[in-house]
Amino acid sequence: MNIKLIRTCLVTLLLLFTTTQLHAQPDGWARPFEGFRVIGNLYGVGSYDLSVFLITSDAGHILINTGLEDSTQLIRGNMAALGFRMEDIRILLTQQAHWDHTAAMAEIKQISGAEMWATVGDAPIMADGGFSDPHFGGRESFLPVTVDKIIRDGEVIELGDIQLTVHDHPGHTEGSSSYSMQVSESGRDYQVLIANMGTINPGKQLTVDPTYLGVSEDFASTYRKQKAMDVDVWVAAHASQYNFHEKYQSGQAYSPTTFVDPAGFLRAVERLEQAYVEYIAEEQR
């Protein structure tokens, strides 16, 4: 019996199932949640589990991620409750070009007139609505978005007093990115990271007929880079990834220390790295 052939067939069936179920999402993705202040001028304005981050300035705002296709009004309402307008967004970013983080991007771009900035790896996928995604592609899974600028590793995005550094953290998608900045509160400087975590979607192939060339090395590089980062406060693309609901409850008073968790970040990266090692070992059996 050809074990590799059986494995390939099973993976193909899983991918077909995943594609047909593409818009069947966990309840927490669509469930509304209030807007909240993370630290300084960084806010969360997404749903219960899908993170959408707003970075504000007097010169306009940066929005990172948008969640699902029908999340525009949720984001608008959360922004308004915090005292901000969607029309004042100037730059749109994403952490990963998957539909659950990008599906409202085209609509919000049209409403705000903001520019869409994307990494080299994710820009083509944003432009064709997910069609060219090497894992979930072959169909349009969100409205295509015109990419106005390519951003690269180490680049500093500046808007008003915002200085946001781009970090290439690929693997989850070929263009996955994190963003860091420094925030000063009450006489202390905090190193803040909006982290794209190196999770492996079911059916992704790393070493045997890899989903895209170099994907295994990309994951390894991301874990290595993230473990070396100086991080005080961190958040991620899914609330569940950074234990948001254990750190923050609805209506909780603002404190700059709520999301201070450097040890938790390191543990999370190391846990994903170990899962990656086990995934490869299983794949090569």
C-alpha atoms as a PDB file:
ATOM      1  CA  MET A   1       0.000   0.000   0.000  1.00  0.00           C
ATOM      2  CA  ASN A   2       1.384   3.414  -0.995  1.00  0.00           C
ATOM      3  CA  ILE A   3       1.254   5.415   2.264  1.00  0.00           C
ATOM      4  CA  LYS A   4       2.343   8.665   0.594  1.00  0.00           C
ATOM      5  CA  LEU A   5      -0.431   8.318  -2.003  1.00  0.00           C
ATOM      6  CA  ILE A   6      -3.022   7.760   0.722  1.00  0.00           C
ATOM      7  CA  ARG A   7      -1.715  10.772   2.644  1.00  0.00           C
ATOM      8  CA  THR A   8      -1.920  12.913  -0.498  1.00  0.00           C
ATOM      9  CA  CYS A   9      -5.513  11.820  -1.119  1.00  0.00           C
ATOM     10  CA  LEU A  10      -6.498  12.577   2.465  1.00  0.00           C
ATOM     11  CA  VAL A  11      -4.925  16.021   2.277  1.00  0.00           C
ATOM     12  CA  THR A  12      -6.744  16.690  -1.006  1.00  0.00           C
ATOM     13  CA  LEU A  13     -10.069  15.696   0.553  1.00  0.00           C
ATOM     14  CA  LEU A  14      -9.345  17.904   3.566  1.00  0.00           C
ATOM     15  CA  LEU A  15      -8.573  20.853   1.318  1.00  0.00           C
ATOM     16  CA  LEU A  16     -11.790  20.298  -0.639  1.00  0.00           C
ATOM     17  CA  PHE A  17     -13.758  20.132   2.601  1.00  0.00           C
ATOM     18  CA  THR A  18     -12.001  23.259   3.898  1.00  0.00           C
ATOM     19  CA  THR A  19     -12.808  25.144   0.696  1.00  0.00           C
ATOM     20  CA  THR A  20     -16.480  24.185   0.744  1.00  0.00           C
ATOM     21  CA  GLN A  21     -16.684  25.211   4.391  1.00  0.00           C
ATOM     22  CA  LEU A  22     -14.744  28.425   3.819  1.00  0.00           C
ATOM     23  CA  HIS A  23     -17.469  30.726   5.064  1.00  0.00           C
ATOM     24  CA  ALA A  24     -18.636  28.505   7.932  1.00  0.00           C
ATOM     25  CA  GLN A  25     -16.896  30.149  10.858  1.00  0.00           C
ATOM     26  CA  PRO A  26     -16.789  29.770  14.636  1.00  0.00           C
ATOM     27  CA  ASP A  27     -19.419  31.726  16.545  1.00  0.00           C
ATOM     28  CA  GLY A  28     -16.804  33.971  18.168  1.00  0.00           C
ATOM     29  CA  TRP A  29     -15.733  35.352  14.808  1.00  0.00           C
ATOM     30  CA  ALA A  30     -19.049  37.108  14.175  1.00  0.00           C
ATOM     31  CA  ARG A  31     -20.068  37.777  17.779  1.00  0.00           C
ATOM     32  CA  PRO A  32     -19.958  41.507  18.583  1.00  0.00           C
ATOM     33  CA  PHE A  33     -17.625  42.839  21.244  1.00  0.00           C
ATOM     34  CA  GLU A  34     -17.025  46.340  22.529  1.00  0.00           C
ATOM     35  CA  GLY A  35     -14.143  48.518  21.457  1.00  0.00           C
ATOM     36  CA  PHE A  36     -11.355  48.800  24.032  1.00  0.00           C
ATOM     37  CA  ARG A  37      -8.045  50.550  24.551  1.00  0.00           C
ATOM     38  CA  VAL A  38      -5.011  48.270  24.469  1.00  0.00           C
ATOM     39  CA  ILE A  39      -2.379  50.848  25.389  1.00  0.00           C
ATOM     40  CA  GLY A  40      -1.619  54.411  24.354  1.00  0.00           C
ATOM     41  CA  ASN A  41      -3.122  55.099  20.927  1.00  0.00           C
ATOM     42  CA  LEU A  42      -3.713  51.410  20.128  1.00  0.00           C
ATOM     43  CA  TYR A  43      -7.310  50.147  20.303  1.00  0.00           C
ATOM     44  CA  GLY A  44      -9.200  46.952  19.561  1.00  0.00           C
ATOM     45  CA  VAL A  45     -12.347  47.440  17.455  1.00  0.00           C
ATOM     46  CA  GLY A  46     -13.089  43.938  16.168  1.00  0.00           C
ATOM     47  CA  SER A  47     -15.345  41.059  17.169  1.00  0.00           C
ATOM     48  CA  TYR A  48     -15.197  38.630  20.087  1.00  0.00           C
ATOM     49  CA  ASP A  49     -12.355  36.649  18.492  1.00  0.00           C
ATOM     50  CA  LEU A  50     -11.338  38.305  15.199  1.00  0.00           C
ATOM     51  CA  SER A  51      -8.980  41.141  16.051  1.00  0.00           C
ATOM     52  CA  VAL A  52      -9.159  44.508  14.313  1.00  0.00           C
ATOM     53  CA  PHE A  53      -6.689  47.104  15.580  1.00  0.00           C
ATOM     54  CA  LEU A  54      -6.916  50.880  15.317  1.00  0.00           C
ATOM     55  CA  ILE A  55      -3.886  53.125  15.792  1.00  0.00           C
ATOM     56  CA  THR A  56      -4.871  56.772  16.064  1.00  0.00           C
ATOM     57  CA  SER A  57      -3.219  60.126  15.401  1.00  0.00           C
ATOM     58  CA  ASP A  58      -4.230  63.726  14.750  1.00  0.00           C
ATOM     59  CA  ALA A  59      -3.235  63.183  11.102  1.00  0.00           C
ATOM     60  CA  GLY A  60      -5.567  60.195  10.666  1.00  0.00           C
ATOM     61  CA  HIS A  61      -5.642  56.576  11.669  1.00  0.00           C
ATOM     62  CA  ILE A  62      -4.272  53.167  10.700  1.00  0.00           C
ATOM     63  CA  LEU A  63      -6.601  50.144  10.680  1.00  0.00           C
ATOM     64  CA  ILE A  64      -5.093  46.657  10.822  1.00  0.00           C
ATOM     65  CA  ASN A  65      -7.391  43.805   9.665  1.00  0.00           C
ATOM     66  CA  THR A  66     -11.145  44.058   9.091  1.00  0.00           C
ATOM     67  CA  GLY A  67     -12.636  40.705   9.997  1.00  0.00           C
ATOM     68  CA  LEU A  68     -15.590  39.251   8.120  1.00  0.00           C
ATOM     69  CA  GLU A  69     -17.488  40.689   5.162  1.00  0.00           C
ATOM     70  CA  ASP A  70     -20.312  42.079   7.307  1.00  0.00           C
ATOM     71  CA  SER A  71     -18.072  43.540  10.037  1.00  0.00           C
ATOM     72  CA  THR A  72     -17.948  47.113   8.733  1.00  0.00           C
ATOM     73  CA  GLN A  73     -20.761  48.385  10.932  1.00  0.00           C
ATOM     74  CA  LEU A  74     -19.347  46.627  13.996  1.00  0.00           C
ATOM     75  CA  ILE A  75     -15.988  48.302  13.408  1.00  0.00           C
ATOM     76  CA  ARG A  76     -17.619  51.662  12.733  1.00  0.00           C
ATOM     77  CA  GLY A  77     -19.696  51.417  15.912  1.00  0.00           C
ATOM     78  CA  ASN A  78     -16.716  50.423  18.046  1.00  0.00           C
ATOM     79  CA  MET A  79     -14.677  53.286  16.625  1.00  0.00           C
ATOM     80  CA  ALA A  80     -17.489  55.766  17.268  1.00  0.00           C
ATOM     81  CA  ALA A  81     -17.885  54.580  20.864  1.00  0.00           C
ATOM     82  CA  LEU A  82     -14.181  55.288  21.373  1.00  0.00           C
ATOM     83  CA  GLY A  83     -14.483  58.737  19.769  1.00  0.00           C
ATOM     84  CA  PHE A  84     -13.109  58.032  16.276  1.00  0.00           C
ATOM     85  CA  ARG A  85     -14.505  58.080  12.733  1.00  0.00           C
ATOM     86  CA  MET A  86     -14.052  55.471  10.036  1.00  0.00           C
ATOM     87  CA  GLU A  87     -13.724  58.291   7.509  1.00  0.00           C
ATOM     88  CA  ASP A  88     -10.474  59.362   9.212  1.00  0.00           C
ATOM     89  CA  ILE A  89      -8.662  56.082   8.455  1.00  0.00           C
ATOM     90  CA  ARG A  90      -5.742  56.847   6.143  1.00  0.00           C
ATOM     91  CA  ILE A  91      -3.885  53.506   5.904  1.00  0.00           C
ATOM     92  CA  LEU A  92      -5.244  49.955   5.813  1.00  0.00           C
ATOM     93  CA  LEU A  93      -3.010  47.014   6.739  1.00  0.00           C
ATOM     94  CA  THR A  94      -3.511  43.326   7.276  1.00  0.00           C
ATOM     95  CA  GLN A  95      -1.556  40.737   9.213  1.00  0.00           C
ATOM     96  CA  GLN A  96      -2.407  37.921   6.805  1.00  0.00           C
ATOM     97  CA  ALA A  97      -4.288  37.757   3.512  1.00  0.00           C
ATOM     98  CA  HIS A  98      -6.995  35.334   4.633  1.00  0.00           C
ATOM     99  CA  TRP A  99     -10.688  36.129   4.213  1.00  0.00           C
ATOM    100  CA  ASP A 100     -11.458  36.113   7.949  1.00  0.00           C
ATOM    101  CA  HIS A 101      -9.158  39.129   8.357  1.00  0.00           C
ATOM    102  CA  THR A 102      -9.698  40.897   5.031  1.00  0.00           C
ATOM    103  CA  ALA A 103     -13.276  40.433   3.848  1.00  0.00           C
ATOM    104  CA  ALA A 104     -14.456  43.972   4.735  1.00  0.00           C
ATOM    105  CA  MET A 105     -11.280  45.649   3.491  1.00  0.00           C
ATOM    106  CA  ALA A 106     -12.677  46.748   0.106  1.00  0.00           C
ATOM    107  CA  GLU A 107     -15.774  48.311   1.662  1.00  0.00           C
ATOM    108  CA  ILE A 108     -13.842  50.161   4.361  1.00  0.00           C
ATOM    109  CA  LYS A 109     -11.343  51.353   1.753  1.00  0.00           C
ATOM    110  CA  GLN A 110     -14.203  52.799  -0.281  1.00  0.00           C
ATOM    111  CA  ILE A 111     -15.833  54.474   2.743  1.00  0.00           C
ATOM    112  CA  SER A 112     -12.645  55.981   4.145  1.00  0.00           C
ATOM    113  CA  GLY A 113     -10.643  56.642   0.994  1.00  0.00           C
ATOM    114  CA  ALA A 114      -7.678  55.053   2.786  1.00  0.00           C
ATOM    115  CA  GLU A 115      -4.749  53.455   0.994  1.00  0.00           C
ATOM    116  CA  MET A 116      -4.203  49.706   1.226  1.00  0.00           C
ATOM    117  CA  TRP A 117      -0.597  48.815   2.031  1.00  0.00           C
ATOM    118  CA  ALA A 118       0.527  45.175   1.855  1.00  0.00           C
ATOM    119  CA  THR A 119       3.637  43.015   1.924  1.00  0.00           C
ATOM    120  CA  VAL A 120       5.174  41.537  -1.222  1.00  0.00           C
ATOM    121  CA  GLY A 121       3.822  38.087  -0.366  1.00  0.00           C
ATOM    122  CA  ASP A 122       0.265  39.130   0.438  1.00  0.00           C
ATOM    123  CA  ALA A 123      -0.267  41.917  -2.125  1.00  0.00           C
ATOM    124  CA  PRO A 124      -1.198  39.613  -5.065  1.00  0.00           C
ATOM    125  CA  ILE A 125      -3.671  37.724  -2.871  1.00  0.00           C
ATOM    126  CA  MET A 126      -5.296  40.961  -1.708  1.00  0.00           C
ATOM    127  CA  ALA A 127      -5.516  42.130  -5.314  1.00  0.00           C
ATOM    128  CA  ASP A 128      -7.299  38.999  -6.582  1.00  0.00           C
ATOM    129  CA  GLY A 129      -9.549  38.424  -3.568  1.00  0.00           C
ATOM    130  CA  GLY A 130      -7.755  35.322  -2.335  1.00  0.00           C
ATOM    131  CA  PHE A 131      -7.792  33.489  -5.678  1.00  0.00           C
ATOM    132  CA  SER A 132      -4.002  33.010  -5.784  1.00  0.00           C
ATOM    133  CA  ASP A 133      -3.664  31.914  -2.155  1.00  0.00           C
ATOM    134  CA  PRO A 134      -1.569  28.717  -2.398  1.00  0.00           C
ATOM    135  CA  HIS A 135      -3.548  27.026   0.386  1.00  0.00           C
ATOM    136  CA  PHE A 136      -7.149  28.262   0.206  1.00  0.00           C
ATOM    137  CA  GLY A 137      -7.105  29.682  -3.329  1.00  0.00           C
ATOM    138  CA  GLY A 138      -8.746  28.705  -6.583  1.00  0.00           C
ATOM    139  CA  ARG A 139     -11.760  30.889  -5.830  1.00  0.00           C
ATOM    140  CA  GLU A 140     -12.446  34.461  -4.814  1.00  0.00           C
ATOM    141  CA  SER A 141     -13.040  34.430  -1.046  1.00  0.00           C
ATOM    142  CA  PHE A 142     -13.258  38.186  -0.477  1.00  0.00           C
ATOM    143  CA  LEU A 143     -13.688  41.285  -2.624  1.00  0.00           C
ATOM    144  CA  PRO A 144     -10.401  42.179  -4.353  1.00  0.00           C
ATOM    145  CA  VAL A 145      -8.620  45.220  -2.956  1.00  0.00           C
ATOM    146  CA  THR A 146      -6.334  47.542  -4.886  1.00  0.00           C
ATOM    147  CA  VAL A 147      -2.940  47.628  -3.183  1.00  0.00           C
ATOM    148  CA  ASP A 148      -1.552  51.165  -3.209  1.00  0.00           C
ATOM    149  CA  LYS A 149       1.862  50.472  -1.696  1.00  0.00           C
ATOM    150  CA  ILE A 150       4.176  47.544  -1.004  1.00  0.00           C
ATOM    151  CA  ILE A 151       5.657  47.464   2.505  1.00  0.00           C
ATOM    152  CA  ARG A 152       8.798  45.564   3.471  1.00  0.00           C
ATOM    153  CA  ASP A 153      10.511  44.087   6.501  1.00  0.00           C
ATOM    154  CA  GLY A 154      11.966  46.784   8.752  1.00  0.00           C
ATOM    155  CA  GLU A 155      10.085  49.631   7.079  1.00  0.00           C
ATOM    156  CA  VAL A 156       8.700  52.273   9.441  1.00  0.00           C
ATOM    157  CA  ILE A 157       5.182  53.440   8.602  1.00  0.00           C
ATOM    158  CA  GLU A 158       4.721  57.047   9.695  1.00  0.00           C
ATOM    159  CA  LEU A 159       1.432  58.897  10.054  1.00  0.00           C
ATOM    160  CA  GLY A 160       1.278  61.919  12.343  1.00  0.00           C
ATOM    161  CA  ASP A 161       3.059  60.798  15.499  1.00  0.00           C
ATOM    162  CA  ILE A 162       2.633  57.100  14.648  1.00  0.00           C
ATOM    163  CA  GLN A 163       5.827  55.165  13.947  1.00  0.00           C
ATOM    164  CA  LEU A 164       4.963  51.564  13.184  1.00  0.00           C
ATOM    165  CA  THR A 165       7.651  49.041  12.184  1.00  0.00           C
ATOM    166  CA  VAL A 166       6.828  46.233   9.752  1.00  0.00           C
ATOM    167  CA  HIS A 167       8.072  42.702  10.538  1.00  0.00           C
ATOM    168  CA  ASP A 168       7.969  39.892   7.970  1.00  0.00           C
ATOM    169  CA  HIS A 169       6.699  36.854   9.900  1.00  0.00           C
ATOM    170  CA  PRO A 170       5.709  34.476   7.065  1.00  0.00           C
ATOM    171  CA  GLY A 171       4.458  30.921   7.118  1.00  0.00           C
ATOM    172  CA  HIS A 172       0.783  31.276   7.988  1.00  0.00           C
ATOM    173  CA  THR A 173       0.681  33.122   4.681  1.00  0.00           C
ATOM    174  CA  GLU A 174       3.665  33.903   2.517  1.00  0.00           C
ATOM    175  CA  GLY A 175       3.288  37.593   3.362  1.00  0.00           C
ATOM    176  CA  SER A 176       2.204  37.399   7.005  1.00  0.00           C
ATOM    177  CA  SER A 177       3.375  40.396   8.987  1.00  0.00           C
ATOM    178  CA  SER A 178       3.526  41.776  12.506  1.00  0.00           C
ATOM    179  CA  TYR A 179       3.831  45.414  13.523  1.00  0.00           C
ATOM    180  CA  SER A 180       5.655  46.973  16.472  1.00  0.00           C
ATOM    181  CA  MET A 181       5.806  50.388  18.086  1.00  0.00           C
ATOM    182  CA  GLN A 182       6.894  52.030  21.304  1.00  0.00           C
ATOM    183  CA  VAL A 183       4.317  53.569  23.627  1.00  0.00           C
ATOM    184  CA  SER A 184       5.110  55.855  26.564  1.00  0.00           C
ATOM    185  CA  GLU A 185       2.658  55.809  29.469  1.00  0.00           C
ATOM    186  CA  SER A 186       3.098  57.225  32.988  1.00  0.00           C
ATOM    187  CA  GLY A 187       6.851  57.649  32.593  1.00  0.00           C
ATOM    188  CA  ARG A 188       7.468  54.158  31.229  1.00  0.00           C
ATOM    189  CA  ASP A 189       8.217  52.983  27.691  1.00  0.00           C
ATOM    190  CA  TYR A 190       6.444  49.842  26.481  1.00  0.00           C
ATOM    191  CA  GLN A 191       7.488  47.758  23.484  1.00  0.00           C
ATOM    192  CA  VAL A 192       4.219  46.846  21.782  1.00  0.00           C
ATOM    193  CA  LEU A 193       3.771  44.077  19.205  1.00  0.00           C
ATOM    194  CA  ILE A 194       0.741  43.363  17.031  1.00  0.00           C
ATOM    195  CA  ALA A 195       1.835  39.806  16.401  1.00  0.00           C
ATOM    196  CA  ASN A 196       0.980  37.462  13.591  1.00  0.00           C
ATOM    197  CA  MET A 197       1.403  34.074  15.197  1.00  0.00           C
ATOM    198  CA  GLY A 198       2.864  31.120  13.300  1.00  0.00           C
ATOM    199  CA  THR A 199      -0.156  28.835  13.389  1.00  0.00           C
ATOM    200  CA  ILE A 200      -0.427  26.021  10.835  1.00  0.00           C
ATOM    201  CA  ASN A 201      -3.802  25.606   9.130  1.00  0.00           C
ATOM    202  CA  PRO A 202      -5.064  22.020   8.752  1.00  0.00           C
ATOM    203  CA  GLY A 203      -3.969  20.496   5.479  1.00  0.00           C
ATOM    204  CA  LYS A 204      -1.022  22.807   4.988  1.00  0.00           C
ATOM    205  CA  GLN A 205       1.994  20.912   3.652  1.00  0.00           C
ATOM    206  CA  LEU A 206       5.410  21.988   4.881  1.00  0.00           C
ATOM    207  CA  THR A 207       7.975  19.488   3.596  1.00  0.00           C
ATOM    208  CA  VAL A 208       6.115  16.970   1.410  1.00  0.00           C
ATOM    209  CA  ASP A 209       4.803  18.703  -1.731  1.00  0.00           C
ATOM    210  CA  PRO A 210       4.932  22.021   0.168  1.00  0.00           C
ATOM    211  CA  THR A 211       1.999  24.396  -0.115  1.00  0.00           C
ATOM    212  CA  TYR A 212       4.436  26.998  -1.356  1.00  0.00           C
ATOM    213  CA  LEU A 213       8.181  26.861  -1.895  1.00  0.00           C
ATOM    214  CA  GLY A 214      10.047  27.625   1.323  1.00  0.00           C
ATOM    215  CA  VAL A 215       7.046  27.470   3.651  1.00  0.00           C
ATOM    216  CA  SER A 216       8.801  25.297   6.242  1.00  0.00           C
ATOM    217  CA  GLU A 217      11.788  27.643   6.369  1.00  0.00           C
ATOM    218  CA  ASP A 218       9.413  30.608   6.661  1.00  0.00           C
ATOM    219  CA  PHE A 219       7.779  29.180   9.782  1.00  0.00           C
ATOM    220  CA  ALA A 220      11.177  28.400  11.339  1.00  0.00           C
ATOM    221  CA  SER A 221      12.381  31.928  10.606  1.00  0.00           C
ATOM    222  CA  THR A 222       9.269  33.465  12.155  1.00  0.00           C
ATOM    223  CA  TYR A 223       9.644  31.532  15.410  1.00  0.00           C
ATOM    224  CA  ARG A 224      13.324  32.446  15.598  1.00  0.00           C
ATOM    225  CA  LYS A 225      12.695  36.141  14.955  1.00  0.00           C
ATOM    226  CA  GLN A 226       9.797  36.377  17.378  1.00  0.00           C
ATOM    227  CA  LYS A 227      11.689  34.687  20.214  1.00  0.00           C
ATOM    228  CA  ALA A 228      14.429  37.298  19.829  1.00  0.00           C
ATOM    229  CA  MET A 229      12.071  40.278  20.041  1.00  0.00           C
ATOM    230  CA  ASP A 230      11.816  42.624  23.016  1.00  0.00           C
ATOM    231  CA  VAL A 231       8.081  42.598  23.780  1.00  0.00           C
ATOM    232  CA  ASP A 232       6.188  44.034  26.755  1.00  0.00           C
ATOM    233  CA  VAL A 233       2.635  44.290  25.423  1.00  0.00           C
ATOM    234  CA  TRP A 234       1.353  41.967  22.705  1.00  0.00           C
ATOM    235  CA  VAL A 235      -1.866  41.271  20.883  1.00  0.00           C
ATOM    236  CA  ALA A 236      -2.608  38.958  17.940  1.00  0.00           C
ATOM    237  CA  ALA A 237      -4.931  38.388  14.985  1.00  0.00           C
ATOM    238  CA  HIS A 238      -7.270  36.225  17.085  1.00  0.00           C
ATOM    239  CA  ALA A 239      -8.237  37.139  20.639  1.00  0.00           C
ATOM    240  CA  SER A 240      -7.869  33.484  21.593  1.00  0.00           C
ATOM    241  CA  GLN A 241      -4.214  33.523  20.538  1.00  0.00           C
ATOM    242  CA  TYR A 242      -3.247  36.017  23.245  1.00  0.00           C
ATOM    243  CA  ASN A 243      -5.754  34.952  25.930  1.00  0.00           C
ATOM    244  CA  PHE A 244      -7.629  38.226  25.518  1.00  0.00           C
ATOM    245  CA  HIS A 245     -10.729  37.190  27.449  1.00  0.00           C
ATOM    246  CA  GLU A 246      -8.629  36.107  30.414  1.00  0.00           C
ATOM    247  CA  LYS A 247      -6.913  39.507  30.482  1.00  0.00           C
ATOM    248  CA  TYR A 248      -9.865  41.764  29.740  1.00  0.00           C
ATOM    249  CA  GLN A 249     -13.552  41.623  30.672  1.00  0.00           C
ATOM    250  CA  SER A 250     -16.310  43.788  29.233  1.00  0.00           C
ATOM    251  CA  GLY A 251     -16.326  47.259  30.793  1.00  0.00           C
ATOM    252  CA  GLN A 252     -12.961  46.851  32.468  1.00  0.00           C
ATOM    253  CA  ALA A 253     -11.223  50.126  33.395  1.00  0.00           C
ATOM    254  CA  TYR A 254      -8.238  51.046  31.265  1.00  0.00           C
ATOM    255  CA  SER A 255      -4.755  50.265  32.555  1.00  0.00           C
ATOM    256  CA  PRO A 256      -1.564  50.308  30.473  1.00  0.00           C
ATOM    257  CA  THR A 257      -0.489  47.073  32.171  1.00  0.00           C
ATOM    258  CA  THR A 258      -3.525  44.972  31.182  1.00  0.00           C
ATOM    259  CA  PHE A 259      -1.764  43.387  28.223  1.00  0.00           C
ATOM    260  CA  VAL A 260       1.777  43.402  29.575  1.00  0.00           C
ATOM    261  CA  ASP A 261       2.779  39.757  29.132  1.00  0.00           C
ATOM    262  CA  PRO A 262       6.325  39.178  27.828  1.00  0.00           C
ATOM    263  CA  ALA A 263       6.560  35.687  29.308  1.00  0.00           C
ATOM    264  CA  GLY A 264       3.203  34.763  27.784  1.00  0.00           C
ATOM    265  CA  PHE A 265       4.398  35.842  24.349  1.00  0.00           C
ATOM    266  CA  LEU A 266       7.510  33.698  24.559  1.00  0.00           C
ATOM    267  CA  ARG A 267       5.477  30.707  25.771  1.00  0.00           C
ATOM    268  CA  ALA A 268       3.009  31.132  22.907  1.00  0.00           C
ATOM    269  CA  VAL A 269       5.777  31.228  20.293  1.00  0.00           C
ATOM    270  CA  GLU A 270       7.582  28.242  21.807  1.00  0.00           C
ATOM    271  CA  ARG A 271       4.325  26.270  21.925  1.00  0.00           C
ATOM    272  CA  LEU A 272       3.703  26.952  18.225  1.00  0.00           C
ATOM    273  CA  GLU A 273       7.293  26.076  17.381  1.00  0.00           C
ATOM    274  CA  GLN A 274       6.938  22.711  19.135  1.00  0.00           C
ATOM    275  CA  ALA A 275       3.688  22.050  17.269  1.00  0.00           C
ATOM    276  CA  TYR A 276       5.556  22.838  14.039  1.00  0.00           C
ATOM    277  CA  VAL A 277       8.289  20.305  14.874  1.00  0.00           C
ATOM    278  CA  GLU A 278       5.656  17.648  15.601  1.00  0.00           C
ATOM    279  CA  TYR A 279       3.718  18.528  12.436  1.00  0.00           C
ATOM    280  CA  ILE A 280       6.815  17.990  10.291  1.00  0.00           C
ATOM    281  CA  ALA A 281       7.645  14.714  12.034  1.00  0.00           C
ATOM    282  CA  GLU A 282       4.121  13.440  11.348  1.00  0.00           C
ATOM    283  CA  GLU A 283       4.248  14.669   7.751  1.00  0.00           C
ATOM    284  CA  GLN A 284       7.459  12.749   7.063  1.00  0.00           C
ATOM    285  CA  ARG A 285       6.323   9.432   8.507  1.00  0.00           C
END
